[in-house]
Amino acid sequence: MRVLAELYQQFDADPLRPVPGEGYGGWHEREIELAPAHTALVVMHAWDHGSPAAFPGWWRAVEYMPRADAILRTVFPRLLGAVRASPMPVFHVISGRGRCAPRLSSASTAIAAKPRSRLLVTRDPAYLELQRIRAACVFPGEHNRADIEQAFARLDFAPAARPVGREGLAEDGDQLATLCRIHGINHLIYVGFAVNWCLLMSPGGMVDMARHGCLCSTIREAVTAVENRETARDEREKQQALWRVAVEFGFVFRLESFLRALPVRFP
């Protein structure tokens, strides 16, 4: 499978320039070869967000919801349909969502293994107060908390992202690594939300899987990012996150190039 990939040339800095980093080569494209039998599409945290009317507090705290829902409507059906018609497997990461386990496990999926228990530090009163301040003043805001808890109590896959057949389901990096070993996978292509947050740092995200030895890539049109007040209009955090993927973890693909390159699985 030969596909055009976006790479970022993070060299050579030029010490003679006022800003040495402006000597870097930057973004460029190159045709590369993927092995579909050893590559998987990973759908991560592609949830049904409900509506702003149903969960106004969640939509106030998570500004990327409209962009995510647009991607689910316009990109996911084509992408997942094409991958499912190819030899490339599809995995789903649902890390940190234990409260909705009965709903999620209703899908006919293959769960790899129980997640490992984590050792937690001791929480003293000062720690709890600092966390309270962060929740009130940073994210999500006390007035949004009840809506968010109600939303997570009924959390489910978005219809366009629901597992089909026995597609692998993983709750953390160890489970996803088990699926990779079972299926002979060493390259994961992540889609879902958000590329600079969950896809990067949550259990089963790129940081986890790079430590397991996987290449981790993404598809530009199939992700969005957590933006802030200063970046939201131009989606600058998404651009920064795509740069991080290209430099640290793997490759960035364009949707149309990726779809054209996918081989068709014959019966």
C-alpha atoms as a PDB file:
ATOM      1  CA  MET A   1       0.000   0.000   0.000  1.00  0.00           C
ATOM      2  CA  ARG A   2       1.763   3.152  -1.244  1.00  0.00           C
ATOM      3  CA  VAL A   3       0.383   6.389   0.162  1.00  0.00           C
ATOM      4  CA  LEU A   4       1.406  10.035   0.207  1.00  0.00           C
ATOM      5  CA  ALA A   5       2.403  11.065   3.727  1.00  0.00           C
ATOM      6  CA  GLU A   6       3.115  14.439   5.276  1.00  0.00           C
ATOM      7  CA  LEU A   7       6.463  14.663   7.069  1.00  0.00           C
ATOM      8  CA  TYR A   8       8.038  17.533   8.963  1.00  0.00           C
ATOM      9  CA  GLN A   9      11.784  18.116   8.482  1.00  0.00           C
ATOM     10  CA  GLN A  10      12.993  19.124  11.965  1.00  0.00           C
ATOM     11  CA  PHE A  11      16.527  19.980  10.744  1.00  0.00           C
ATOM     12  CA  ASP A  12      18.844  21.831  10.062  1.00  0.00           C
ATOM     13  CA  ALA A  13      18.661  24.771  12.423  1.00  0.00           C
ATOM     14  CA  ASP A  14      20.773  27.617  11.074  1.00  0.00           C
ATOM     15  CA  PRO A  15      22.911  29.293  13.790  1.00  0.00           C
ATOM     16  CA  LEU A  16      23.575  32.244  11.468  1.00  0.00           C
ATOM     17  CA  ARG A  17      19.892  33.230  11.367  1.00  0.00           C
ATOM     18  CA  PRO A  18      18.364  35.504  14.016  1.00  0.00           C
ATOM     19  CA  VAL A  19      15.910  32.618  14.664  1.00  0.00           C
ATOM     20  CA  PRO A  20      17.882  29.377  14.048  1.00  0.00           C
ATOM     21  CA  GLY A  21      14.753  27.210  13.837  1.00  0.00           C
ATOM     22  CA  GLU A  22      13.637  29.059  10.722  1.00  0.00           C
ATOM     23  CA  GLY A  23      16.257  27.036   8.896  1.00  0.00           C
ATOM     24  CA  TYR A  24      14.251  23.815   9.348  1.00  0.00           C
ATOM     25  CA  GLY A  25      12.861  22.258   6.185  1.00  0.00           C
ATOM     26  CA  GLY A  26       9.294  22.148   7.535  1.00  0.00           C
ATOM     27  CA  TRP A  27       6.366  20.273   6.005  1.00  0.00           C
ATOM     28  CA  HIS A  28       6.834  18.197   2.868  1.00  0.00           C
ATOM     29  CA  GLU A  29       5.199  15.175   1.268  1.00  0.00           C
ATOM     30  CA  ARG A  30       6.665  11.801   0.424  1.00  0.00           C
ATOM     31  CA  GLU A  31       5.196   8.584  -0.860  1.00  0.00           C
ATOM     32  CA  ILE A  32       5.743   5.796   1.655  1.00  0.00           C
ATOM     33  CA  GLU A  33       4.787   2.132   1.805  1.00  0.00           C
ATOM     34  CA  LEU A  34       2.482   0.734   4.493  1.00  0.00           C
ATOM     35  CA  ALA A  35       1.791  -2.924   5.178  1.00  0.00           C
ATOM     36  CA  PRO A  36      -2.004  -3.156   5.697  1.00  0.00           C
ATOM     37  CA  ALA A  37      -1.617  -6.487   7.492  1.00  0.00           C
ATOM     38  CA  HIS A  38       0.550  -4.780  10.125  1.00  0.00           C
ATOM     39  CA  THR A  39      -1.333  -1.465  10.313  1.00  0.00           C
ATOM     40  CA  ALA A  40      -4.588  -0.717  12.164  1.00  0.00           C
ATOM     41  CA  LEU A  41      -6.971   2.202  12.243  1.00  0.00           C
ATOM     42  CA  VAL A  42      -7.595   3.230  15.871  1.00  0.00           C
ATOM     43  CA  VAL A  43     -10.846   5.053  16.635  1.00  0.00           C
ATOM     44  CA  MET A  44     -10.445   6.794  19.991  1.00  0.00           C
ATOM     45  CA  HIS A  45     -13.060   8.600  22.095  1.00  0.00           C
ATOM     46  CA  ALA A  46     -15.489   9.143  19.226  1.00  0.00           C
ATOM     47  CA  TRP A  47     -18.470   9.642  21.529  1.00  0.00           C
ATOM     48  CA  ASP A  48     -22.068  10.587  21.002  1.00  0.00           C
ATOM     49  CA  HIS A  49     -21.959  14.093  22.485  1.00  0.00           C
ATOM     50  CA  GLY A  50     -25.699  14.603  22.670  1.00  0.00           C
ATOM     51  CA  SER A  51     -26.988  18.098  21.913  1.00  0.00           C
ATOM     52  CA  PRO A  52     -26.222  21.535  23.411  1.00  0.00           C
ATOM     53  CA  ALA A  53     -29.803  21.627  24.657  1.00  0.00           C
ATOM     54  CA  ALA A  54     -29.461  18.266  26.432  1.00  0.00           C
ATOM     55  CA  PHE A  55     -26.012  18.868  28.001  1.00  0.00           C
ATOM     56  CA  PRO A  56     -25.270  22.611  27.874  1.00  0.00           C
ATOM     57  CA  GLY A  57     -22.555  22.398  30.524  1.00  0.00           C
ATOM     58  CA  TRP A  58     -20.592  19.792  28.553  1.00  0.00           C
ATOM     59  CA  TRP A  59     -20.792  21.880  25.381  1.00  0.00           C
ATOM     60  CA  ARG A  60     -19.691  24.984  27.293  1.00  0.00           C
ATOM     61  CA  ALA A  61     -16.617  23.213  28.679  1.00  0.00           C
ATOM     62  CA  VAL A  62     -15.607  21.322  25.513  1.00  0.00           C
ATOM     63  CA  GLU A  63     -15.511  23.779  22.639  1.00  0.00           C
ATOM     64  CA  TYR A  64     -14.537  21.273  19.932  1.00  0.00           C
ATOM     65  CA  MET A  65     -17.904  19.451  19.995  1.00  0.00           C
ATOM     66  CA  PRO A  66     -19.263  21.112  16.806  1.00  0.00           C
ATOM     67  CA  ARG A  67     -16.072  20.268  14.885  1.00  0.00           C
ATOM     68  CA  ALA A  68     -16.075  16.684  16.174  1.00  0.00           C
ATOM     69  CA  ASP A  69     -19.706  16.161  15.217  1.00  0.00           C
ATOM     70  CA  ALA A  70     -19.017  17.517  11.714  1.00  0.00           C
ATOM     71  CA  ILE A  71     -16.134  15.047  11.330  1.00  0.00           C
ATOM     72  CA  LEU A  72     -18.345  12.197  12.529  1.00  0.00           C
ATOM     73  CA  ARG A  73     -20.955  13.121   9.895  1.00  0.00           C
ATOM     74  CA  THR A  74     -18.713  13.836   6.931  1.00  0.00           C
ATOM     75  CA  VAL A  75     -15.481  11.864   7.383  1.00  0.00           C
ATOM     76  CA  PHE A  76     -16.103   8.778   9.517  1.00  0.00           C
ATOM     77  CA  PRO A  77     -18.646   6.996   7.273  1.00  0.00           C
ATOM     78  CA  ARG A  78     -16.336   7.126   4.252  1.00  0.00           C
ATOM     79  CA  LEU A  79     -13.184   6.354   6.204  1.00  0.00           C
ATOM     80  CA  LEU A  80     -14.498   3.442   8.264  1.00  0.00           C
ATOM     81  CA  GLY A  81     -16.387   2.012   5.293  1.00  0.00           C
ATOM     82  CA  ALA A  82     -13.223   1.992   3.194  1.00  0.00           C
ATOM     83  CA  VAL A  83     -10.995   0.540   5.920  1.00  0.00           C
ATOM     84  CA  ARG A  84     -13.534  -2.201   6.692  1.00  0.00           C
ATOM     85  CA  ALA A  85     -13.485  -3.174   3.008  1.00  0.00           C
ATOM     86  CA  SER A  86      -9.674  -3.511   3.174  1.00  0.00           C
ATOM     87  CA  PRO A  87      -7.342  -5.959   4.982  1.00  0.00           C
ATOM     88  CA  MET A  88      -6.610  -3.302   7.643  1.00  0.00           C
ATOM     89  CA  PRO A  89      -8.242  -3.995  11.044  1.00  0.00           C
ATOM     90  CA  VAL A  90     -10.111  -1.405  13.114  1.00  0.00           C
ATOM     91  CA  PHE A  91      -9.559  -1.062  16.878  1.00  0.00           C
ATOM     92  CA  HIS A  92     -11.482   1.134  19.353  1.00  0.00           C
ATOM     93  CA  VAL A  93     -10.011   2.794  22.469  1.00  0.00           C
ATOM     94  CA  ILE A  94     -12.467   3.655  25.266  1.00  0.00           C
ATOM     95  CA  SER A  95      -9.973   4.537  28.032  1.00  0.00           C
ATOM     96  CA  GLY A  96     -11.247   5.968  31.278  1.00  0.00           C
ATOM     97  CA  ARG A  97     -14.905   5.309  30.581  1.00  0.00           C
ATOM     98  CA  GLY A  98     -15.716   2.525  33.040  1.00  0.00           C
ATOM     99  CA  ARG A  99     -19.064   4.047  34.021  1.00  0.00           C
ATOM    100  CA  CYS A 100     -20.464   3.239  30.591  1.00  0.00           C
ATOM    101  CA  ALA A 101     -19.009  -0.300  30.383  1.00  0.00           C
ATOM    102  CA  PRO A 102     -22.397  -2.114  30.131  1.00  0.00           C
ATOM    103  CA  ARG A 103     -23.480   0.096  27.232  1.00  0.00           C
ATOM    104  CA  LEU A 104     -20.142  -0.211  25.434  1.00  0.00           C
ATOM    105  CA  SER A 105     -19.821  -3.954  25.968  1.00  0.00           C
ATOM    106  CA  SER A 106     -23.150  -4.462  24.212  1.00  0.00           C
ATOM    107  CA  ALA A 107     -21.209  -4.211  20.970  1.00  0.00           C
ATOM    108  CA  SER A 108     -19.956  -7.573  19.670  1.00  0.00           C
ATOM    109  CA  THR A 109     -16.290  -6.815  20.216  1.00  0.00           C
ATOM    110  CA  ALA A 110     -13.163  -8.667  21.266  1.00  0.00           C
ATOM    111  CA  ILE A 111     -11.793  -7.215  24.513  1.00  0.00           C
ATOM    112  CA  ALA A 112      -8.115  -8.018  24.985  1.00  0.00           C
ATOM    113  CA  ALA A 113      -7.425  -8.185  28.719  1.00  0.00           C
ATOM    114  CA  LYS A 114      -8.307  -6.514  31.996  1.00  0.00           C
ATOM    115  CA  PRO A 115      -6.465  -3.222  32.529  1.00  0.00           C
ATOM    116  CA  ARG A 116      -3.739  -3.223  35.137  1.00  0.00           C
ATOM    117  CA  SER A 117      -4.421  -1.526  38.464  1.00  0.00           C
ATOM    118  CA  ARG A 118      -2.496   1.698  38.995  1.00  0.00           C
ATOM    119  CA  LEU A 119      -0.562   2.758  42.077  1.00  0.00           C
ATOM    120  CA  LEU A 120      -1.864   6.120  43.287  1.00  0.00           C
ATOM    121  CA  VAL A 121      -0.145   8.657  45.517  1.00  0.00           C
ATOM    122  CA  THR A 122      -1.637   9.569  48.895  1.00  0.00           C
ATOM    123  CA  ARG A 123      -4.177  12.406  48.724  1.00  0.00           C
ATOM    124  CA  ASP A 124      -3.892  14.823  51.640  1.00  0.00           C
ATOM    125  CA  PRO A 125      -6.259  17.784  52.354  1.00  0.00           C
ATOM    126  CA  ALA A 126      -3.966  20.281  50.582  1.00  0.00           C
ATOM    127  CA  TYR A 127      -3.943  18.113  47.453  1.00  0.00           C
ATOM    128  CA  LEU A 128      -7.745  17.865  47.469  1.00  0.00           C
ATOM    129  CA  GLU A 129      -8.102  21.632  47.854  1.00  0.00           C
ATOM    130  CA  LEU A 130      -5.720  22.265  44.952  1.00  0.00           C
ATOM    131  CA  GLN A 131      -7.728  19.890  42.778  1.00  0.00           C
ATOM    132  CA  ARG A 132     -10.932  21.661  43.825  1.00  0.00           C
ATOM    133  CA  ILE A 133      -9.437  25.009  42.776  1.00  0.00           C
ATOM    134  CA  ARG A 134      -8.417  23.593  39.406  1.00  0.00           C
ATOM    135  CA  ALA A 135     -11.880  22.140  38.805  1.00  0.00           C
ATOM    136  CA  ALA A 136     -13.532  25.430  39.705  1.00  0.00           C
ATOM    137  CA  CYS A 137     -11.143  27.851  37.996  1.00  0.00           C
ATOM    138  CA  VAL A 138      -9.478  25.907  35.140  1.00  0.00           C
ATOM    139  CA  PHE A 139     -11.778  23.126  33.884  1.00  0.00           C
ATOM    140  CA  PRO A 140     -14.672  22.383  33.718  1.00  0.00           C
ATOM    141  CA  GLY A 141     -16.208  24.997  36.061  1.00  0.00           C
ATOM    142  CA  GLU A 142     -18.537  24.119  38.920  1.00  0.00           C
ATOM    143  CA  HIS A 143     -21.680  25.188  37.031  1.00  0.00           C
ATOM    144  CA  ASN A 144     -20.865  22.688  34.241  1.00  0.00           C
ATOM    145  CA  ARG A 145     -20.074  19.678  36.415  1.00  0.00           C
ATOM    146  CA  ALA A 146     -23.590  18.246  36.791  1.00  0.00           C
ATOM    147  CA  ASP A 147     -24.233  18.292  33.034  1.00  0.00           C
ATOM    148  CA  ILE A 148     -20.936  16.568  32.338  1.00  0.00           C
ATOM    149  CA  GLU A 149     -21.623  13.844  34.914  1.00  0.00           C
ATOM    150  CA  GLN A 150     -25.059  13.234  33.397  1.00  0.00           C
ATOM    151  CA  ALA A 151     -23.538  13.062  29.917  1.00  0.00           C
ATOM    152  CA  PHE A 152     -20.930  10.504  30.951  1.00  0.00           C
ATOM    153  CA  ALA A 153     -23.553   8.418  32.742  1.00  0.00           C
ATOM    154  CA  ARG A 154     -25.183   7.752  29.345  1.00  0.00           C
ATOM    155  CA  LEU A 155     -22.017   7.890  27.244  1.00  0.00           C
ATOM    156  CA  ASP A 156     -22.057   5.787  24.094  1.00  0.00           C
ATOM    157  CA  PHE A 157     -20.275   5.511  20.766  1.00  0.00           C
ATOM    158  CA  ALA A 158     -21.318   7.999  18.129  1.00  0.00           C
ATOM    159  CA  PRO A 159     -23.398   6.077  15.558  1.00  0.00           C
ATOM    160  CA  ALA A 160     -20.732   6.606  12.882  1.00  0.00           C
ATOM    161  CA  ALA A 161     -18.038   5.192  15.194  1.00  0.00           C
ATOM    162  CA  ARG A 162     -19.800   2.165  16.667  1.00  0.00           C
ATOM    163  CA  PRO A 163     -17.759  -1.081  16.496  1.00  0.00           C
ATOM    164  CA  VAL A 164     -18.809  -3.629  13.899  1.00  0.00           C
ATOM    165  CA  GLY A 165     -18.434  -7.393  14.220  1.00  0.00           C
ATOM    166  CA  ARG A 166     -15.500  -8.350  16.404  1.00  0.00           C
ATOM    167  CA  GLU A 167     -13.410  -5.216  16.072  1.00  0.00           C
ATOM    168  CA  GLY A 168     -10.984  -4.977  18.967  1.00  0.00           C
ATOM    169  CA  LEU A 169     -11.925  -2.899  22.006  1.00  0.00           C
ATOM    170  CA  ALA A 170      -9.256  -1.635  24.426  1.00  0.00           C
ATOM    171  CA  GLU A 171      -9.426   0.358  27.659  1.00  0.00           C
ATOM    172  CA  ASP A 172      -5.716   1.147  28.011  1.00  0.00           C
ATOM    173  CA  GLY A 173      -2.293   0.756  26.426  1.00  0.00           C
ATOM    174  CA  ASP A 174      -1.748  -2.765  27.716  1.00  0.00           C
ATOM    175  CA  GLN A 175      -5.002  -3.948  26.154  1.00  0.00           C
ATOM    176  CA  LEU A 176      -4.230  -2.206  22.885  1.00  0.00           C
ATOM    177  CA  ALA A 177      -0.726  -3.681  22.864  1.00  0.00           C
ATOM    178  CA  THR A 178      -2.291  -7.118  23.385  1.00  0.00           C
ATOM    179  CA  LEU A 179      -4.526  -6.562  20.375  1.00  0.00           C
ATOM    180  CA  CYS A 180      -1.471  -5.468  18.391  1.00  0.00           C
ATOM    181  CA  ARG A 181       0.392  -8.650  19.300  1.00  0.00           C
ATOM    182  CA  ILE A 182      -2.608 -10.858  18.478  1.00  0.00           C
ATOM    183  CA  HIS A 183      -3.050  -9.250  15.060  1.00  0.00           C
ATOM    184  CA  GLY A 184       0.610  -8.601  14.231  1.00  0.00           C
ATOM    185  CA  ILE A 185       0.181  -4.807  14.264  1.00  0.00           C
ATOM    186  CA  ASN A 186       3.075  -2.363  14.675  1.00  0.00           C
ATOM    187  CA  HIS A 187       1.630   0.830  13.153  1.00  0.00           C
ATOM    188  CA  LEU A 188      -1.495   2.556  14.525  1.00  0.00           C
ATOM    189  CA  ILE A 189      -3.329   5.305  12.655  1.00  0.00           C
ATOM    190  CA  TYR A 190      -5.395   7.311  15.162  1.00  0.00           C
ATOM    191  CA  VAL A 191      -8.644   9.138  14.433  1.00  0.00           C
ATOM    192  CA  GLY A 192     -11.050  10.706  16.916  1.00  0.00           C
ATOM    193  CA  PHE A 193     -10.967  13.387  19.549  1.00  0.00           C
ATOM    194  CA  ALA A 194      -8.863  15.184  20.482  1.00  0.00           C
ATOM    195  CA  VAL A 195      -5.485  14.874  18.752  1.00  0.00           C
ATOM    196  CA  ASN A 196      -3.596  17.057  21.245  1.00  0.00           C
ATOM    197  CA  TRP A 197      -5.246  15.588  24.326  1.00  0.00           C
ATOM    198  CA  CYS A 198      -6.829  12.125  24.521  1.00  0.00           C
ATOM    199  CA  LEU A 199      -5.250  10.695  21.364  1.00  0.00           C
ATOM    200  CA  LEU A 200      -1.913  11.825  22.713  1.00  0.00           C
ATOM    201  CA  MET A 201      -2.038  11.387  26.496  1.00  0.00           C
ATOM    202  CA  SER A 202      -4.987   9.199  27.551  1.00  0.00           C
ATOM    203  CA  PRO A 203      -4.532   5.468  28.263  1.00  0.00           C
ATOM    204  CA  GLY A 204      -4.106   3.761  24.905  1.00  0.00           C
ATOM    205  CA  GLY A 205      -2.984   7.000  23.247  1.00  0.00           C
ATOM    206  CA  MET A 206       0.186   7.684  21.306  1.00  0.00           C
ATOM    207  CA  VAL A 207       2.455   8.183  24.312  1.00  0.00           C
ATOM    208  CA  ASP A 208       1.413   4.793  25.698  1.00  0.00           C
ATOM    209  CA  MET A 209       1.741   2.979  22.401  1.00  0.00           C
ATOM    210  CA  ALA A 210       5.074   4.517  21.412  1.00  0.00           C
ATOM    211  CA  ARG A 211       6.414   2.980  24.641  1.00  0.00           C
ATOM    212  CA  HIS A 212       5.136  -0.370  23.364  1.00  0.00           C
ATOM    213  CA  GLY A 213       7.147   0.169  20.173  1.00  0.00           C
ATOM    214  CA  CYS A 214       4.326   1.204  17.809  1.00  0.00           C
ATOM    215  CA  LEU A 215       4.492   3.856  15.144  1.00  0.00           C
ATOM    216  CA  CYS A 216       1.548   6.216  15.727  1.00  0.00           C
ATOM    217  CA  SER A 217       0.125   8.301  12.884  1.00  0.00           C
ATOM    218  CA  THR A 218      -3.051  10.232  12.163  1.00  0.00           C
ATOM    219  CA  ILE A 219      -5.315  11.479   9.369  1.00  0.00           C
ATOM    220  CA  ARG A 220      -5.529  15.267   9.207  1.00  0.00           C
ATOM    221  CA  GLU A 221      -9.242  15.535   8.394  1.00  0.00           C
ATOM    222  CA  ALA A 222     -10.330  12.857  10.897  1.00  0.00           C
ATOM    223  CA  VAL A 223      -9.202  14.652  14.072  1.00  0.00           C
ATOM    224  CA  THR A 224      -9.709  17.933  15.855  1.00  0.00           C
ATOM    225  CA  ALA A 225      -7.968  19.448  18.873  1.00  0.00           C
ATOM    226  CA  VAL A 226      -8.703  21.077  22.196  1.00  0.00           C
ATOM    227  CA  GLU A 227      -8.305  24.772  21.454  1.00  0.00           C
ATOM    228  CA  ASN A 228      -8.126  27.759  23.789  1.00  0.00           C
ATOM    229  CA  ARG A 229      -9.441  31.306  23.565  1.00  0.00           C
ATOM    230  CA  GLU A 230      -6.361  32.483  21.684  1.00  0.00           C
ATOM    231  CA  THR A 231      -6.138  29.578  19.204  1.00  0.00           C
ATOM    232  CA  ALA A 232      -9.721  28.489  18.519  1.00  0.00           C
ATOM    233  CA  ARG A 233     -10.464  30.718  15.514  1.00  0.00           C
ATOM    234  CA  ASP A 234      -7.536  29.361  13.452  1.00  0.00           C
ATOM    235  CA  GLU A 235      -7.264  25.932  15.133  1.00  0.00           C
ATOM    236  CA  ARG A 236      -3.614  26.553  15.876  1.00  0.00           C
ATOM    237  CA  GLU A 237      -3.460  23.826  18.537  1.00  0.00           C
ATOM    238  CA  LYS A 238      -4.445  21.269  15.893  1.00  0.00           C
ATOM    239  CA  GLN A 239      -1.597  22.420  13.666  1.00  0.00           C
ATOM    240  CA  GLN A 240       0.829  22.181  16.579  1.00  0.00           C
ATOM    241  CA  ALA A 241      -0.431  18.699  17.437  1.00  0.00           C
ATOM    242  CA  LEU A 242      -0.035  17.458  13.851  1.00  0.00           C
ATOM    243  CA  TRP A 243       3.554  18.734  13.933  1.00  0.00           C
ATOM    244  CA  ARG A 244       4.128  16.780  17.158  1.00  0.00           C
ATOM    245  CA  VAL A 245       2.735  13.590  15.602  1.00  0.00           C
ATOM    246  CA  ALA A 246       4.951  13.995  12.539  1.00  0.00           C
ATOM    247  CA  VAL A 247       8.125  14.650  14.546  1.00  0.00           C
ATOM    248  CA  GLU A 248       7.709  12.339  17.544  1.00  0.00           C
ATOM    249  CA  PHE A 249       5.365   9.486  16.659  1.00  0.00           C
ATOM    250  CA  GLY A 250       4.758   8.711  12.980  1.00  0.00           C
ATOM    251  CA  PHE A 251       3.141  10.310   9.935  1.00  0.00           C
ATOM    252  CA  VAL A 252       0.248  12.580   8.986  1.00  0.00           C
ATOM    253  CA  PHE A 253      -1.980  11.489   6.104  1.00  0.00           C
ATOM    254  CA  ARG A 254      -4.513  13.374   4.011  1.00  0.00           C
ATOM    255  CA  LEU A 255      -7.893  11.666   3.893  1.00  0.00           C
ATOM    256  CA  GLU A 256      -8.237  11.477   0.107  1.00  0.00           C
ATOM    257  CA  SER A 257      -4.707  10.136  -0.394  1.00  0.00           C
ATOM    258  CA  PHE A 258      -5.278   7.520   2.289  1.00  0.00           C
ATOM    259  CA  LEU A 259      -8.611   6.392   0.815  1.00  0.00           C
ATOM    260  CA  ARG A 260      -7.174   6.110  -2.697  1.00  0.00           C
ATOM    261  CA  ALA A 261      -4.302   3.980  -1.431  1.00  0.00           C
ATOM    262  CA  LEU A 262      -6.371   1.446   0.540  1.00  0.00           C
ATOM    263  CA  PRO A 263      -6.416  -1.998  -1.068  1.00  0.00           C
ATOM    264  CA  VAL A 264      -9.748  -3.783  -1.416  1.00  0.00           C
ATOM    265  CA  ARG A 265     -10.168  -7.086   0.398  1.00  0.00           C
ATOM    266  CA  PHE A 266     -11.517  -9.748  -1.951  1.00  0.00           C
ATOM    267  CA  PRO A 267     -13.732 -12.594  -0.609  1.00  0.00           C
END
